N, C-alpha and C. Protein backbone atom coordinates (compact mmCIF):
# COMPACT_ATOMS: atom_id res chain seq x y z
N PRO A 1 56.68 222.57 -59.13
CA PRO A 1 56.35 223.99 -59.22
C PRO A 1 54.87 224.26 -58.94
N TYR A 2 54.59 225.41 -58.35
CA TYR A 2 53.21 225.83 -58.11
C TYR A 2 52.69 226.50 -59.37
N MET A 3 51.66 225.92 -60.00
CA MET A 3 51.20 226.46 -61.26
C MET A 3 50.03 227.40 -61.07
N SER A 4 49.82 228.25 -62.07
CA SER A 4 48.75 229.23 -62.03
C SER A 4 47.40 228.55 -61.86
N ASP A 5 46.58 229.11 -61.00
CA ASP A 5 45.23 228.59 -60.82
C ASP A 5 44.23 229.42 -61.60
N TYR A 6 44.73 230.31 -62.46
CA TYR A 6 43.89 231.30 -63.11
C TYR A 6 43.69 231.06 -64.60
N ARG A 7 44.77 230.63 -65.30
CA ARG A 7 44.66 230.44 -66.75
C ARG A 7 45.79 229.55 -67.28
N TYR A 8 45.55 228.97 -68.45
CA TYR A 8 46.59 228.26 -69.18
C TYR A 8 46.35 228.48 -70.67
N TYR A 9 47.31 228.07 -71.50
CA TYR A 9 47.27 228.33 -72.93
C TYR A 9 47.26 227.01 -73.69
N THR A 10 46.53 226.98 -74.80
CA THR A 10 46.53 225.80 -75.67
C THR A 10 47.05 226.20 -77.04
N LEU A 11 48.04 225.45 -77.53
CA LEU A 11 48.58 225.65 -78.87
C LEU A 11 48.13 224.47 -79.72
N ASP A 12 47.43 224.76 -80.82
CA ASP A 12 46.94 223.69 -81.68
C ASP A 12 46.88 224.20 -83.12
N GLY A 13 46.79 223.29 -84.04
CA GLY A 13 46.72 223.65 -85.45
C GLY A 13 46.85 222.41 -86.31
N VAL A 14 46.90 222.63 -87.62
CA VAL A 14 46.99 221.53 -88.57
C VAL A 14 48.43 221.43 -89.06
N TRP A 15 49.26 220.76 -88.29
CA TRP A 15 50.64 220.48 -88.65
C TRP A 15 51.15 219.39 -87.73
N SER A 16 52.23 218.75 -88.12
CA SER A 16 52.80 217.72 -87.26
C SER A 16 53.80 218.37 -86.31
N ASN A 17 53.96 217.79 -85.14
CA ASN A 17 54.91 218.33 -84.17
C ASN A 17 56.34 218.32 -84.72
N GLU A 18 56.65 217.38 -85.61
CA GLU A 18 57.99 217.31 -86.18
C GLU A 18 58.29 218.54 -87.03
N ALA A 19 57.24 219.18 -87.55
CA ALA A 19 57.43 220.33 -88.42
C ALA A 19 57.57 221.63 -87.64
N THR A 20 57.54 221.58 -86.30
CA THR A 20 57.55 222.81 -85.51
C THR A 20 58.81 222.95 -84.68
N ASP A 21 59.92 222.41 -85.14
CA ASP A 21 61.15 222.49 -84.38
C ASP A 21 61.64 223.92 -84.20
N SER A 22 61.16 224.85 -85.02
CA SER A 22 61.62 226.24 -84.90
C SER A 22 60.49 227.18 -84.51
N LEU A 23 59.38 226.65 -84.00
CA LEU A 23 58.25 227.49 -83.60
C LEU A 23 58.45 227.95 -82.17
N ASP A 24 58.45 229.27 -81.95
CA ASP A 24 58.53 229.84 -80.62
C ASP A 24 57.18 230.47 -80.28
N LEU A 25 56.79 230.35 -79.04
CA LEU A 25 55.50 230.86 -78.58
C LEU A 25 55.77 231.92 -77.51
N GLU A 26 55.28 233.13 -77.73
CA GLU A 26 55.50 234.22 -76.77
C GLU A 26 54.25 234.43 -75.93
N LEU A 27 54.43 234.43 -74.61
CA LEU A 27 53.34 234.65 -73.66
C LEU A 27 53.59 235.93 -72.88
N THR A 28 52.54 236.65 -72.57
CA THR A 28 52.63 237.85 -71.75
C THR A 28 52.08 237.51 -70.37
N TYR A 29 52.78 237.95 -69.33
CA TYR A 29 52.29 237.74 -67.96
C TYR A 29 52.17 239.09 -67.27
N ASP A 30 51.23 239.20 -66.34
CA ASP A 30 51.00 240.45 -65.63
C ASP A 30 50.41 240.13 -64.26
N GLY A 31 51.22 240.26 -63.24
CA GLY A 31 50.78 239.97 -61.87
C GLY A 31 50.43 241.21 -61.08
N ARG A 32 50.34 242.36 -61.75
CA ARG A 32 50.03 243.60 -61.04
C ARG A 32 48.55 243.62 -60.64
N MET A 33 48.29 244.36 -59.59
CA MET A 33 46.90 244.58 -59.15
C MET A 33 46.69 246.09 -59.05
N GLY A 34 45.98 246.65 -60.01
CA GLY A 34 45.74 248.10 -60.03
C GLY A 34 44.58 248.47 -59.14
N GLY A 35 44.33 249.74 -59.03
CA GLY A 35 43.22 250.24 -58.22
C GLY A 35 41.89 250.02 -58.92
N ALA A 36 40.84 250.54 -58.32
CA ALA A 36 39.48 250.34 -58.83
C ALA A 36 39.30 250.93 -60.23
N ASN A 37 40.02 252.03 -60.53
CA ASN A 37 39.88 252.68 -61.83
C ASN A 37 41.01 252.32 -62.79
N SER A 38 41.66 251.20 -62.54
CA SER A 38 42.81 250.80 -63.35
C SER A 38 42.49 249.54 -64.15
N ASN A 39 43.12 249.44 -65.31
CA ASN A 39 42.97 248.22 -66.12
C ASN A 39 44.24 247.37 -66.04
N LEU A 40 45.07 247.59 -65.02
CA LEU A 40 46.32 246.86 -64.87
C LEU A 40 46.09 245.46 -64.32
N GLY A 41 46.84 244.54 -64.84
CA GLY A 41 47.00 243.23 -64.23
C GLY A 41 45.76 242.40 -64.06
N TYR A 42 45.71 241.75 -62.91
CA TYR A 42 44.67 240.79 -62.57
C TYR A 42 44.60 239.62 -63.55
N LEU A 43 45.74 239.29 -64.15
CA LEU A 43 45.82 238.11 -65.00
C LEU A 43 46.63 237.01 -64.32
N ASP A 44 47.72 237.39 -63.68
CA ASP A 44 48.58 236.43 -62.99
C ASP A 44 48.83 236.85 -61.54
N HIS A 45 47.90 237.60 -60.99
CA HIS A 45 48.06 238.12 -59.63
C HIS A 45 47.98 237.02 -58.57
N THR A 46 47.43 235.87 -58.91
CA THR A 46 47.39 234.76 -57.95
C THR A 46 48.65 233.90 -58.04
N LEU A 47 49.57 234.26 -58.95
CA LEU A 47 50.79 233.47 -59.14
C LEU A 47 52.05 234.21 -58.70
N ILE A 48 52.20 235.45 -59.15
CA ILE A 48 53.46 236.18 -58.90
C ILE A 48 53.29 237.08 -57.68
N LYS A 49 54.04 236.79 -56.64
CA LYS A 49 53.93 237.52 -55.38
C LYS A 49 55.03 238.57 -55.23
N LYS A 50 56.28 238.19 -55.50
CA LYS A 50 57.41 239.08 -55.25
C LYS A 50 58.23 239.36 -56.50
N THR A 51 58.72 238.30 -57.11
CA THR A 51 59.67 238.45 -58.21
C THR A 51 59.41 237.40 -59.27
N GLU A 52 59.90 237.66 -60.47
CA GLU A 52 59.75 236.70 -61.57
C GLU A 52 60.93 235.75 -61.67
N ASP A 53 61.87 235.82 -60.73
CA ASP A 53 63.07 234.99 -60.78
C ASP A 53 62.76 233.50 -60.85
N SER A 54 61.66 233.08 -60.26
CA SER A 54 61.33 231.66 -60.20
C SER A 54 60.28 231.25 -61.23
N LEU A 55 59.95 232.18 -62.14
CA LEU A 55 58.92 231.90 -63.13
C LEU A 55 59.34 230.75 -64.04
N SER A 56 58.42 229.84 -64.31
CA SER A 56 58.69 228.66 -65.11
C SER A 56 57.48 228.37 -65.99
N VAL A 57 57.59 227.36 -66.84
CA VAL A 57 56.50 226.95 -67.71
C VAL A 57 56.31 225.44 -67.59
N LEU A 58 55.06 225.01 -67.43
CA LEU A 58 54.74 223.59 -67.44
C LEU A 58 54.00 223.27 -68.73
N TYR A 59 54.12 222.02 -69.17
CA TYR A 59 53.56 221.59 -70.46
C TYR A 59 52.88 220.23 -70.29
N ARG A 60 51.78 220.06 -71.01
CA ARG A 60 51.18 218.74 -71.16
C ARG A 60 50.74 218.60 -72.61
N ALA A 61 50.89 217.40 -73.16
CA ALA A 61 50.60 217.19 -74.57
C ALA A 61 49.10 217.11 -74.86
N PHE A 62 48.32 216.68 -73.87
CA PHE A 62 46.87 216.53 -74.04
C PHE A 62 46.23 216.67 -72.64
N PRO A 63 44.91 216.90 -72.56
CA PRO A 63 44.27 217.27 -71.29
C PRO A 63 44.46 216.31 -70.12
N VAL A 64 44.59 215.01 -70.33
CA VAL A 64 44.75 214.09 -69.19
C VAL A 64 46.20 213.69 -68.96
N ASP A 65 47.11 214.35 -69.68
CA ASP A 65 48.54 214.10 -69.50
C ASP A 65 49.02 214.77 -68.21
N TYR A 66 50.18 214.35 -67.71
CA TYR A 66 50.78 214.99 -66.54
C TYR A 66 51.48 216.28 -66.96
N TRP A 67 51.40 217.30 -66.10
CA TRP A 67 52.16 218.52 -66.33
C TRP A 67 53.63 218.25 -66.04
N ARG A 68 54.52 218.80 -66.89
CA ARG A 68 55.96 218.67 -66.68
C ARG A 68 56.63 219.98 -67.05
N VAL A 69 57.80 220.24 -66.51
CA VAL A 69 58.52 221.48 -66.79
C VAL A 69 58.97 221.50 -68.25
N TRP A 70 58.66 222.60 -68.95
CA TRP A 70 59.14 222.77 -70.33
C TRP A 70 60.61 223.20 -70.26
N PRO A 71 61.51 222.48 -70.95
CA PRO A 71 62.95 222.70 -70.74
C PRO A 71 63.52 223.97 -71.36
N GLN A 72 62.89 224.50 -72.41
CA GLN A 72 63.49 225.63 -73.12
C GLN A 72 62.54 226.82 -73.16
N PHE A 73 62.88 227.85 -72.39
CA PHE A 73 62.13 229.10 -72.44
C PHE A 73 63.05 230.22 -71.96
N LYS A 74 62.71 231.43 -72.32
CA LYS A 74 63.49 232.58 -71.84
C LYS A 74 62.54 233.70 -71.46
N ILE A 75 62.92 234.39 -70.39
CA ILE A 75 62.13 235.52 -69.91
C ILE A 75 62.74 236.78 -70.49
N GLY A 76 61.90 237.69 -70.98
CA GLY A 76 62.38 238.93 -71.59
C GLY A 76 63.18 239.78 -70.62
N SER A 77 63.97 240.68 -71.19
CA SER A 77 64.77 241.56 -70.34
C SER A 77 63.87 242.58 -69.66
N GLY A 78 64.40 243.18 -68.63
CA GLY A 78 63.63 244.15 -67.86
C GLY A 78 63.66 243.78 -66.39
N SER A 79 62.95 244.53 -65.60
CA SER A 79 62.94 244.31 -64.16
C SER A 79 62.31 242.97 -63.81
N LYS A 80 62.91 242.27 -62.86
CA LYS A 80 62.35 241.00 -62.39
C LYS A 80 61.43 241.21 -61.20
N ASN A 81 61.18 242.48 -60.84
CA ASN A 81 60.36 242.76 -59.66
C ASN A 81 59.11 243.57 -59.97
N ASP A 82 58.81 243.79 -61.27
CA ASP A 82 57.62 244.58 -61.60
C ASP A 82 56.40 243.71 -61.91
N LYS A 83 56.58 242.38 -61.83
CA LYS A 83 55.49 241.41 -62.00
C LYS A 83 54.86 241.41 -63.38
N GLN A 84 55.56 241.91 -64.38
CA GLN A 84 55.02 241.91 -65.74
C GLN A 84 56.14 241.69 -66.73
N GLY A 85 55.79 241.13 -67.89
CA GLY A 85 56.79 240.93 -68.93
C GLY A 85 56.33 239.91 -69.95
N LYS A 86 57.31 239.41 -70.71
CA LYS A 86 57.04 238.43 -71.75
C LYS A 86 57.96 237.24 -71.56
N LEU A 87 57.45 236.08 -71.90
CA LEU A 87 58.19 234.84 -71.78
C LEU A 87 58.08 234.10 -73.11
N THR A 88 59.18 233.60 -73.63
CA THR A 88 59.19 232.91 -74.92
C THR A 88 59.46 231.42 -74.71
N ILE A 89 58.56 230.59 -75.21
CA ILE A 89 58.72 229.14 -75.18
C ILE A 89 59.42 228.73 -76.46
N ILE A 90 60.60 228.13 -76.33
CA ILE A 90 61.42 227.76 -77.49
C ILE A 90 60.99 226.37 -77.99
N ASN A 91 60.90 226.24 -79.33
CA ASN A 91 60.52 224.97 -79.97
C ASN A 91 59.21 224.41 -79.42
N ALA A 92 58.20 225.26 -79.41
CA ALA A 92 56.89 224.88 -78.86
C ALA A 92 56.25 223.77 -79.67
N LYS A 93 55.50 222.94 -79.00
CA LYS A 93 54.75 221.84 -79.62
C LYS A 93 53.27 222.04 -79.36
N LYS A 94 52.44 221.28 -80.03
CA LYS A 94 51.02 221.30 -79.74
C LYS A 94 50.80 220.83 -78.31
N GLY A 95 49.86 221.47 -77.63
CA GLY A 95 49.56 221.07 -76.26
C GLY A 95 49.20 222.26 -75.40
N ASP A 96 49.18 222.04 -74.10
CA ASP A 96 48.80 223.07 -73.13
C ASP A 96 50.04 223.56 -72.38
N TYR A 97 50.07 224.86 -72.11
CA TYR A 97 51.15 225.48 -71.36
C TYR A 97 50.55 226.29 -70.22
N VAL A 98 51.22 226.28 -69.08
CA VAL A 98 50.77 227.08 -67.94
C VAL A 98 51.99 227.68 -67.26
N LEU A 99 51.85 228.93 -66.81
CA LEU A 99 52.92 229.57 -66.06
C LEU A 99 52.96 228.99 -64.66
N ALA A 100 54.15 228.92 -64.09
CA ALA A 100 54.32 228.35 -62.76
C ALA A 100 55.47 229.05 -62.06
N MET A 101 55.50 228.95 -60.75
CA MET A 101 56.62 229.44 -59.95
C MET A 101 57.34 228.22 -59.42
N TYR A 102 58.63 228.09 -59.78
CA TYR A 102 59.38 226.91 -59.38
C TYR A 102 59.62 226.89 -57.87
N ASP A 103 59.80 228.07 -57.27
CA ASP A 103 59.94 228.18 -55.82
C ASP A 103 58.60 228.62 -55.26
N VAL A 104 57.89 227.72 -54.59
CA VAL A 104 56.54 228.02 -54.10
C VAL A 104 56.54 229.18 -53.13
N ASN A 105 57.66 229.44 -52.44
CA ASN A 105 57.72 230.54 -51.48
C ASN A 105 57.69 231.91 -52.16
N LEU A 106 57.99 231.96 -53.45
CA LEU A 106 57.96 233.22 -54.18
C LEU A 106 56.62 233.44 -54.88
N SER A 107 55.75 232.45 -54.83
CA SER A 107 54.46 232.57 -55.51
C SER A 107 53.43 233.18 -54.57
N ALA A 108 52.33 233.61 -55.15
CA ALA A 108 51.22 234.12 -54.36
C ALA A 108 50.24 232.99 -54.17
N SER A 109 50.70 231.92 -53.55
CA SER A 109 49.90 230.70 -53.42
C SER A 109 48.56 230.99 -52.76
N HIS A 110 47.48 230.66 -53.46
CA HIS A 110 46.16 230.92 -52.89
C HIS A 110 45.87 230.02 -51.70
N PHE A 111 46.68 228.98 -51.49
CA PHE A 111 46.48 228.12 -50.32
C PHE A 111 46.80 228.89 -49.05
N GLU A 112 47.75 229.84 -49.12
CA GLU A 112 48.11 230.62 -47.94
C GLU A 112 47.00 231.60 -47.58
N GLN A 113 46.22 232.03 -48.57
CA GLN A 113 45.25 233.09 -48.36
C GLN A 113 43.82 232.55 -48.27
N SER A 114 43.62 231.31 -48.59
CA SER A 114 42.28 230.77 -48.74
C SER A 114 41.79 230.07 -47.48
N PRO A 115 40.51 230.22 -47.16
CA PRO A 115 39.95 229.49 -46.02
C PRO A 115 39.60 228.04 -46.37
N GLU A 116 39.91 227.60 -47.59
CA GLU A 116 39.57 226.24 -47.99
C GLU A 116 40.23 225.22 -47.07
N THR A 117 39.45 224.23 -46.67
CA THR A 117 39.98 223.18 -45.80
C THR A 117 39.50 221.83 -46.32
N PHE A 118 40.14 220.78 -45.82
CA PHE A 118 39.68 219.44 -46.17
C PHE A 118 38.58 219.03 -45.20
N LYS A 119 37.82 218.02 -45.61
CA LYS A 119 36.72 217.51 -44.78
C LYS A 119 37.01 216.07 -44.40
N MET A 120 36.58 215.68 -43.19
CA MET A 120 36.70 214.30 -42.73
C MET A 120 35.30 213.80 -42.37
N LEU A 121 34.89 212.73 -43.03
CA LEU A 121 33.53 212.20 -42.83
C LEU A 121 33.57 210.70 -42.58
N PRO A 122 32.94 210.17 -41.53
CA PRO A 122 32.32 210.93 -40.44
C PRO A 122 33.37 211.31 -39.40
N ASN A 123 33.05 212.31 -38.62
CA ASN A 123 33.90 212.74 -37.51
C ASN A 123 32.98 213.18 -36.37
N PRO A 124 32.87 212.40 -35.30
CA PRO A 124 33.65 211.23 -34.89
C PRO A 124 33.45 210.02 -35.81
N THR A 125 34.45 209.12 -35.74
CA THR A 125 34.43 207.92 -36.56
C THR A 125 34.62 206.68 -35.69
N GLN A 126 34.24 205.52 -36.25
CA GLN A 126 34.45 204.26 -35.53
C GLN A 126 35.31 203.31 -36.35
N GLU A 127 34.84 202.94 -37.54
CA GLU A 127 35.54 201.95 -38.36
C GLU A 127 36.48 202.56 -39.40
N ALA A 128 36.06 203.66 -40.03
CA ALA A 128 36.84 204.29 -41.09
C ALA A 128 36.31 205.69 -41.33
N PHE A 129 37.13 206.51 -41.99
CA PHE A 129 36.66 207.85 -42.38
C PHE A 129 37.27 208.21 -43.72
N LYS A 130 36.60 209.13 -44.40
CA LYS A 130 37.05 209.59 -45.71
C LYS A 130 37.53 211.03 -45.60
N ILE A 131 38.65 211.33 -46.26
CA ILE A 131 39.16 212.69 -46.34
C ILE A 131 38.87 213.21 -47.74
N GLU A 132 38.20 214.35 -47.81
CA GLU A 132 37.92 215.02 -49.09
C GLU A 132 38.56 216.40 -49.05
N TRP A 133 39.17 216.82 -50.16
CA TRP A 133 39.81 218.14 -50.20
C TRP A 133 39.27 218.95 -51.36
N PRO A 134 39.51 220.28 -51.34
CA PRO A 134 39.04 221.13 -52.43
C PRO A 134 39.61 220.70 -53.78
N ILE A 135 38.87 220.95 -54.84
CA ILE A 135 39.27 220.55 -56.18
C ILE A 135 40.64 221.12 -56.56
N ALA A 136 40.95 222.34 -56.11
CA ALA A 136 42.23 222.98 -56.46
C ALA A 136 43.42 222.19 -55.94
N TRP A 137 43.23 221.38 -54.91
CA TRP A 137 44.32 220.59 -54.34
C TRP A 137 44.63 219.34 -55.18
N ASN A 138 43.75 218.97 -56.09
CA ASN A 138 43.89 217.70 -56.81
C ASN A 138 45.14 217.61 -57.67
N VAL A 139 45.70 218.73 -58.09
CA VAL A 139 46.85 218.69 -59.00
C VAL A 139 48.15 218.27 -58.30
N PHE A 140 48.11 218.12 -56.97
CA PHE A 140 49.32 217.80 -56.22
C PHE A 140 49.27 216.40 -55.63
N ASP A 141 50.43 215.73 -55.57
CA ASP A 141 50.58 214.54 -54.74
C ASP A 141 50.52 215.02 -53.29
N LYS A 142 49.91 214.22 -52.43
CA LYS A 142 49.73 214.62 -51.03
C LYS A 142 50.23 213.54 -50.08
N THR A 143 50.65 213.96 -48.89
CA THR A 143 51.00 213.05 -47.81
C THR A 143 50.05 213.30 -46.66
N VAL A 144 49.39 212.23 -46.21
CA VAL A 144 48.50 212.32 -45.04
C VAL A 144 49.23 211.66 -43.88
N GLN A 145 49.37 212.39 -42.78
CA GLN A 145 49.97 211.84 -41.57
C GLN A 145 49.01 212.02 -40.40
N ILE A 146 48.89 210.98 -39.58
CA ILE A 146 47.98 211.03 -38.44
C ILE A 146 48.75 210.67 -37.18
N HIS A 147 48.64 211.54 -36.18
CA HIS A 147 49.32 211.34 -34.89
C HIS A 147 48.28 211.19 -33.79
N ASN A 148 48.63 210.39 -32.77
CA ASN A 148 47.72 210.25 -31.62
C ASN A 148 47.99 211.37 -30.61
N GLN A 149 47.31 211.29 -29.45
CA GLN A 149 47.43 212.35 -28.44
C GLN A 149 48.84 212.45 -27.85
N LYS A 150 49.63 211.39 -27.95
CA LYS A 150 51.00 211.41 -27.44
C LYS A 150 51.99 211.92 -28.49
N GLY A 151 51.48 212.25 -29.66
CA GLY A 151 52.34 212.73 -30.73
C GLY A 151 52.96 211.62 -31.56
N GLN A 152 52.54 210.38 -31.34
CA GLN A 152 53.09 209.24 -32.07
C GLN A 152 52.40 209.11 -33.43
N LEU A 153 53.20 208.83 -34.44
CA LEU A 153 52.66 208.65 -35.79
C LEU A 153 51.97 207.29 -35.87
N VAL A 154 50.67 207.30 -36.19
CA VAL A 154 49.92 206.05 -36.27
C VAL A 154 49.58 205.67 -37.71
N CYS A 155 49.69 206.62 -38.63
CA CYS A 155 49.33 206.32 -40.02
C CYS A 155 49.98 207.33 -40.96
N THR A 156 50.51 206.83 -42.07
CA THR A 156 50.99 207.67 -43.17
C THR A 156 50.43 207.11 -44.46
N GLN A 157 49.90 207.99 -45.29
CA GLN A 157 49.35 207.54 -46.57
C GLN A 157 49.74 208.54 -47.65
N GLN A 158 50.26 208.01 -48.76
CA GLN A 158 50.59 208.83 -49.92
C GLN A 158 49.40 208.81 -50.87
N VAL A 159 49.03 209.99 -51.37
CA VAL A 159 47.90 210.11 -52.29
C VAL A 159 48.40 210.78 -53.56
N VAL A 160 48.21 210.13 -54.69
CA VAL A 160 48.69 210.69 -55.96
C VAL A 160 47.76 211.79 -56.45
N ALA A 161 48.29 212.66 -57.30
CA ALA A 161 47.51 213.75 -57.87
C ALA A 161 46.27 213.21 -58.59
N ASN A 162 45.26 214.04 -58.65
CA ASN A 162 43.99 213.74 -59.31
C ASN A 162 43.15 212.69 -58.58
N SER A 163 43.47 212.43 -57.30
CA SER A 163 42.61 211.60 -56.46
C SER A 163 41.77 212.54 -55.61
N PRO A 164 40.44 212.51 -55.73
CA PRO A 164 39.60 213.49 -55.02
C PRO A 164 39.46 213.23 -53.53
N ASN A 165 39.85 212.03 -53.06
CA ASN A 165 39.70 211.72 -51.64
C ASN A 165 40.52 210.48 -51.30
N CYS A 166 40.54 210.14 -50.02
CA CYS A 166 41.14 208.88 -49.59
C CYS A 166 40.38 208.39 -48.36
N THR A 167 40.38 207.09 -48.15
CA THR A 167 39.70 206.49 -47.02
C THR A 167 40.73 205.82 -46.12
N ILE A 168 40.58 206.01 -44.80
CA ILE A 168 41.52 205.46 -43.83
C ILE A 168 40.76 204.62 -42.82
N ASN A 169 41.25 203.40 -42.61
CA ASN A 169 40.63 202.46 -41.67
C ASN A 169 41.09 202.77 -40.26
N THR A 170 40.13 202.91 -39.34
CA THR A 170 40.45 203.24 -37.95
C THR A 170 39.99 202.16 -36.97
N ALA A 171 39.56 201.01 -37.47
CA ALA A 171 38.94 199.98 -36.63
C ALA A 171 39.86 199.52 -35.49
N GLN A 172 41.18 199.49 -35.73
CA GLN A 172 42.11 198.98 -34.72
C GLN A 172 42.67 200.08 -33.81
N TRP A 173 42.26 201.30 -34.01
CA TRP A 173 42.78 202.41 -33.21
C TRP A 173 42.08 202.48 -31.85
N SER A 174 42.78 202.98 -30.87
CA SER A 174 42.19 203.26 -29.56
C SER A 174 41.31 204.50 -29.67
N SER A 175 40.31 204.59 -28.80
CA SER A 175 39.47 205.78 -28.82
C SER A 175 40.28 206.99 -28.34
N GLY A 176 39.94 208.16 -28.82
CA GLY A 176 40.66 209.38 -28.45
C GLY A 176 40.67 210.38 -29.58
N VAL A 177 41.50 211.42 -29.41
CA VAL A 177 41.60 212.49 -30.39
C VAL A 177 42.90 212.32 -31.18
N TYR A 178 42.81 212.41 -32.51
CA TYR A 178 43.95 212.27 -33.40
C TYR A 178 44.12 213.55 -34.23
N GLN A 179 45.35 213.83 -34.59
CA GLN A 179 45.66 214.98 -35.43
C GLN A 179 45.91 214.49 -36.85
N VAL A 180 45.09 214.95 -37.80
CA VAL A 180 45.21 214.56 -39.21
C VAL A 180 45.82 215.72 -39.97
N GLN A 181 46.97 215.49 -40.61
CA GLN A 181 47.66 216.54 -41.34
C GLN A 181 47.83 216.15 -42.80
N ILE A 182 47.52 217.10 -43.70
CA ILE A 182 47.75 216.92 -45.13
C ILE A 182 48.85 217.89 -45.54
N GLU A 183 49.83 217.37 -46.29
CA GLU A 183 50.95 218.20 -46.74
C GLU A 183 51.14 218.01 -48.23
N PHE A 184 51.33 219.12 -48.96
CA PHE A 184 51.66 219.07 -50.38
C PHE A 184 52.29 220.38 -50.80
N ASN A 185 53.28 220.29 -51.65
CA ASN A 185 53.90 221.46 -52.28
C ASN A 185 54.28 222.55 -51.28
N GLY A 186 54.76 222.17 -50.10
CA GLY A 186 55.16 223.14 -49.09
C GLY A 186 54.04 223.67 -48.23
N PHE A 187 52.81 223.22 -48.48
CA PHE A 187 51.64 223.66 -47.71
C PHE A 187 51.21 222.56 -46.76
N LYS A 188 50.83 222.95 -45.52
CA LYS A 188 50.36 221.98 -44.53
C LYS A 188 49.06 222.47 -43.92
N GLN A 189 48.17 221.53 -43.65
CA GLN A 189 46.94 221.86 -42.93
C GLN A 189 46.57 220.67 -42.06
N ALA A 190 46.09 220.94 -40.85
CA ALA A 190 45.77 219.86 -39.91
C ALA A 190 44.41 220.12 -39.26
N GLN A 191 43.76 219.00 -38.88
CA GLN A 191 42.48 219.05 -38.16
C GLN A 191 42.45 217.90 -37.18
N SER A 192 41.54 218.01 -36.21
CA SER A 192 41.38 216.97 -35.20
C SER A 192 40.30 215.98 -35.63
N LEU A 193 40.58 214.72 -35.34
CA LEU A 193 39.63 213.62 -35.61
C LEU A 193 39.37 212.91 -34.30
N ILE A 194 38.11 212.60 -34.04
CA ILE A 194 37.74 211.86 -32.84
C ILE A 194 37.44 210.41 -33.20
N LYS A 195 38.13 209.48 -32.55
CA LYS A 195 37.86 208.05 -32.72
C LYS A 195 36.99 207.62 -31.55
N ALA A 196 35.76 207.23 -31.85
CA ALA A 196 34.83 206.80 -30.82
C ALA A 196 34.95 205.30 -30.59
N GLN A 197 34.37 204.81 -29.50
CA GLN A 197 34.39 203.37 -29.16
C GLN A 197 33.60 202.58 -30.19
């Protein structure tokens, strides 16, 4: 799921998780964008693009834990197209919660709207080059694919989430122009790399 890049919630207190089997946590979401003189929305406007049908909740028990889908939640009644409402997390535990869109195509993914790109250093390259991407991309596993001028795949590398960069050896490659593509969560971006002699 594509998670909110704007905010998340932390539930904490002095009790054991075993004692909270009946604790429900209610969250309010608002993806509306009002005019200049309006106080509407601008809380989840980077997440909800069209409908709340794909709205989900991710959970992590502590800050360096992996985000995972919370299995029990319900969205309040009302229109699924007004971008606002309440969501109840059933049997909440201590930890962090973030709203997410399970179908990335229904989200207002900032990757579609952002000029952010990855960097390749050095370019041109001879022996190796490093790919660095924006911090916002770190939460996703990524696939790097590199094709030569004939369209042949010369390299594939899987990069796990929370890796800020990757290095690729080019010493055995022929000189020429290569297409470097990064793909994650339904988003793709490509740039040209020059392999020098």
